[in-house]
Structure formats: C-alpha cells, structure tokens
Amino acid sequence: EKWEKINELLLEVKGGNDKKLSELENQLQGLQTDIKQIKNSTQDTIRHQANEYITATRLADRVHANFQCKKCGTAIGLMIGSNECPNCHTPI
C-alpha cells in the first residue's frame, strides 16, 4: 500500500502539484527505514549451527541451508520442516 501511495504522489508531482513533493520524499524515507529494519532483522535470524555431527545455516525454525550430517553422510542444500537429520535423526 505504501508503493501505491508513492505512485499516486508521483503522478500528482508530474501533473504540476509541487506541494506533494515533500510528502513523496517523506514516504520514500519511511520505506528506506522499513527496508533497513527488515535487512537488519533478517541478518539476526540467520545463524550458523554446528555440533558434533551436524553443520547447517539456520534460516528460521525448522529451515536450514547447507545441512550436512557427518554421522551418516547426509547432505541437503535446503532442508525445510525438520530440526534433525532425516536419515539418522540426529538433532541439530
């Protein structure tokens, strides 16, 4: 909905309504702030995990990238829906 508001303001500015320019700039600054917050929170949720047998990058609960189990040799690029090795059931 923020993008719709920005598009409306752009059309009004193009039509010669200069008063909307500052409102448009404020909307854009708000979006930039939102994007920075999303970027920062995403980095906080990505963690590399390692234990005696398993290494993986945790992206979210029950979502792991670069999963590798040294106990049984299982390797998965993107594992969704589990917090353990699907082959030998070793927990992450």
C-alpha atoms as a PDB file:
ATOM      1  CA  GLU A   1       0.000   0.000   0.000  1.00  0.00           C
ATOM      2  CA  LYS A   2       2.970   2.316   0.562  1.00  0.00           C
ATOM      3  CA  TRP A   3       4.062   1.789  -3.036  1.00  0.00           C
ATOM      4  CA  GLU A   4       0.559   2.712  -4.249  1.00  0.00           C
ATOM      5  CA  LYS A   5       0.692   5.946  -2.245  1.00  0.00           C
ATOM      6  CA  ILE A   6       4.103   6.784  -3.709  1.00  0.00           C
ATOM      7  CA  ASN A   7       2.862   6.138  -7.249  1.00  0.00           C
ATOM      8  CA  GLU A   8      -0.132   8.426  -6.666  1.00  0.00           C
ATOM      9  CA  LEU A   9       2.135  11.171  -5.345  1.00  0.00           C
ATOM     10  CA  LEU A  10       4.487  10.790  -8.310  1.00  0.00           C
ATOM     11  CA  LEU A  11       1.595  11.256 -10.728  1.00  0.00           C
ATOM     12  CA  GLU A  12       0.484  14.384  -8.875  1.00  0.00           C
ATOM     13  CA  VAL A  13       4.015  15.823  -8.893  1.00  0.00           C
ATOM     14  CA  LYS A  14       4.279  15.148 -12.635  1.00  0.00           C
ATOM     15  CA  GLY A  15       0.963  16.943 -13.044  1.00  0.00           C
ATOM     16  CA  GLY A  16       2.431  20.095 -11.513  1.00  0.00           C
ATOM     17  CA  ASN A  17       1.421  19.695  -7.863  1.00  0.00           C
ATOM     18  CA  ASP A  18       4.719  20.641  -6.174  1.00  0.00           C
ATOM     19  CA  LYS A  19       3.171  20.557  -2.688  1.00  0.00           C
ATOM     20  CA  LYS A  20       3.109  16.767  -2.901  1.00  0.00           C
ATOM     21  CA  LEU A  21       6.875  16.589  -3.438  1.00  0.00           C
ATOM     22  CA  SER A  22       7.745  16.850   0.275  1.00  0.00           C
ATOM     23  CA  GLU A  23       5.077  14.266   1.121  1.00  0.00           C
ATOM     24  CA  LEU A  24       6.583  11.972  -1.501  1.00  0.00           C
ATOM     25  CA  GLU A  25      10.054  12.435  -0.021  1.00  0.00           C
ATOM     26  CA  ASN A  26       8.699  11.547   3.438  1.00  0.00           C
ATOM     27  CA  GLN A  27       7.070   8.394   2.068  1.00  0.00           C
ATOM     28  CA  LEU A  28      10.339   7.354   0.427  1.00  0.00           C
ATOM     29  CA  GLN A  29      12.303   7.951   3.635  1.00  0.00           C
ATOM     30  CA  GLY A  30       9.786   5.795   5.513  1.00  0.00           C
ATOM     31  CA  LEU A  31      10.254   2.988   3.010  1.00  0.00           C
ATOM     32  CA  GLN A  32      14.028   3.225   3.289  1.00  0.00           C
ATOM     33  CA  THR A  33      13.730   2.915   7.066  1.00  0.00           C
ATOM     34  CA  ASP A  34      11.435  -0.119   6.693  1.00  0.00           C
ATOM     35  CA  ILE A  35      13.890  -1.767   4.298  1.00  0.00           C
ATOM     36  CA  LYS A  36      16.802  -1.218   6.704  1.00  0.00           C
ATOM     37  CA  GLN A  37      14.812  -2.725   9.586  1.00  0.00           C
ATOM     38  CA  ILE A  38      13.897  -5.785   7.507  1.00  0.00           C
ATOM     39  CA  LYS A  39      17.501  -6.205   6.390  1.00  0.00           C
ATOM     40  CA  ASN A  40      18.802  -5.976   9.961  1.00  0.00           C
ATOM     41  CA  SER A  41      16.221  -8.398  11.358  1.00  0.00           C
ATOM     42  CA  THR A  42      16.977 -10.909   8.589  1.00  0.00           C
ATOM     43  CA  GLN A  43      20.670 -10.909   9.484  1.00  0.00           C
ATOM     44  CA  ASP A  44      19.772 -11.518  13.126  1.00  0.00           C
ATOM     45  CA  THR A  45      17.802 -14.679  12.291  1.00  0.00           C
ATOM     46  CA  ILE A  46      20.479 -16.333  10.130  1.00  0.00           C
ATOM     47  CA  ARG A  47      22.865 -18.350  12.284  1.00  0.00           C
ATOM     48  CA  HIS A  48      25.437 -20.975  11.531  1.00  0.00           C
ATOM     49  CA  GLN A  49      24.927 -24.019  13.709  1.00  0.00           C
ATOM     50  CA  ALA A  50      27.387 -26.787  14.411  1.00  0.00           C
ATOM     51  CA  ASN A  51      27.571 -29.660  16.839  1.00  0.00           C
ATOM     52  CA  GLU A  52      29.499 -32.920  16.997  1.00  0.00           C
ATOM     53  CA  TYR A  53      27.881 -34.344  13.845  1.00  0.00           C
ATOM     54  CA  ILE A  54      25.854 -31.650  12.077  1.00  0.00           C
ATOM     55  CA  THR A  55      26.660 -28.325  10.446  1.00  0.00           C
ATOM     56  CA  ALA A  56      23.957 -26.088   8.956  1.00  0.00           C
ATOM     57  CA  THR A  57      22.916 -22.485   8.499  1.00  0.00           C
ATOM     58  CA  ARG A  58      19.669 -21.858  10.374  1.00  0.00           C
ATOM     59  CA  LEU A  59      17.374 -19.540   8.403  1.00  0.00           C
ATOM     60  CA  ALA A  60      14.274 -19.987  10.578  1.00  0.00           C
ATOM     61  CA  ASP A  61      12.727 -22.575  12.868  1.00  0.00           C
ATOM     62  CA  ARG A  62      12.858 -25.897  11.022  1.00  0.00           C
ATOM     63  CA  VAL A  63      14.530 -24.285   7.969  1.00  0.00           C
ATOM     64  CA  HIS A  64      18.244 -24.927   7.355  1.00  0.00           C
ATOM     65  CA  ALA A  65      20.612 -24.323   4.446  1.00  0.00           C
ATOM     66  CA  ASN A  66      23.806 -26.251   3.686  1.00  0.00           C
ATOM     67  CA  PHE A  67      22.806 -29.088   6.020  1.00  0.00           C
ATOM     68  CA  GLN A  68      25.459 -31.772   6.460  1.00  0.00           C
ATOM     69  CA  CYS A  69      25.421 -34.725   8.856  1.00  0.00           C
ATOM     70  CA  LYS A  70      28.861 -36.237   9.459  1.00  0.00           C
ATOM     71  CA  LYS A  71      27.350 -39.170  11.351  1.00  0.00           C
ATOM     72  CA  CYS A  72      25.574 -40.692   8.338  1.00  0.00           C
ATOM     73  CA  GLY A  73      26.862 -38.572   5.418  1.00  0.00           C
ATOM     74  CA  THR A  74      23.547 -36.902   4.554  1.00  0.00           C
ATOM     75  CA  ALA A  75      23.903 -33.530   2.807  1.00  0.00           C
ATOM     76  CA  ILE A  76      20.950 -31.284   1.888  1.00  0.00           C
ATOM     77  CA  GLY A  77      21.126 -27.859   0.236  1.00  0.00           C
ATOM     78  CA  LEU A  78      17.878 -26.570   1.746  1.00  0.00           C
ATOM     79  CA  MET A  79      16.096 -28.573   4.430  1.00  0.00           C
ATOM     80  CA  ILE A  80      12.593 -27.475   5.419  1.00  0.00           C
ATOM     81  CA  GLY A  81      10.392 -28.883   8.158  1.00  0.00           C
ATOM     82  CA  SER A  82      12.853 -30.563  10.490  1.00  0.00           C
ATOM     83  CA  ASN A  83      15.371 -29.883  13.230  1.00  0.00           C
ATOM     84  CA  GLU A  84      17.070 -33.263  12.877  1.00  0.00           C
ATOM     85  CA  CYS A  85      18.820 -35.336  10.248  1.00  0.00           C
ATOM     86  CA  PRO A  86      16.119 -37.042   8.158  1.00  0.00           C
ATOM     87  CA  ASN A  87      18.284 -40.146   7.759  1.00  0.00           C
ATOM     88  CA  CYS A  88      19.728 -40.913  11.225  1.00  0.00           C
ATOM     89  CA  HIS A  89      17.520 -38.499  13.276  1.00  0.00           C
ATOM     90  CA  THR A  90      20.458 -36.778  14.983  1.00  0.00           C
ATOM     91  CA  PRO A  91      19.134 -33.459  16.382  1.00  0.00           C
ATOM     92  CA  ILE A  92      20.632 -30.188  15.205  1.00  0.00           C
END
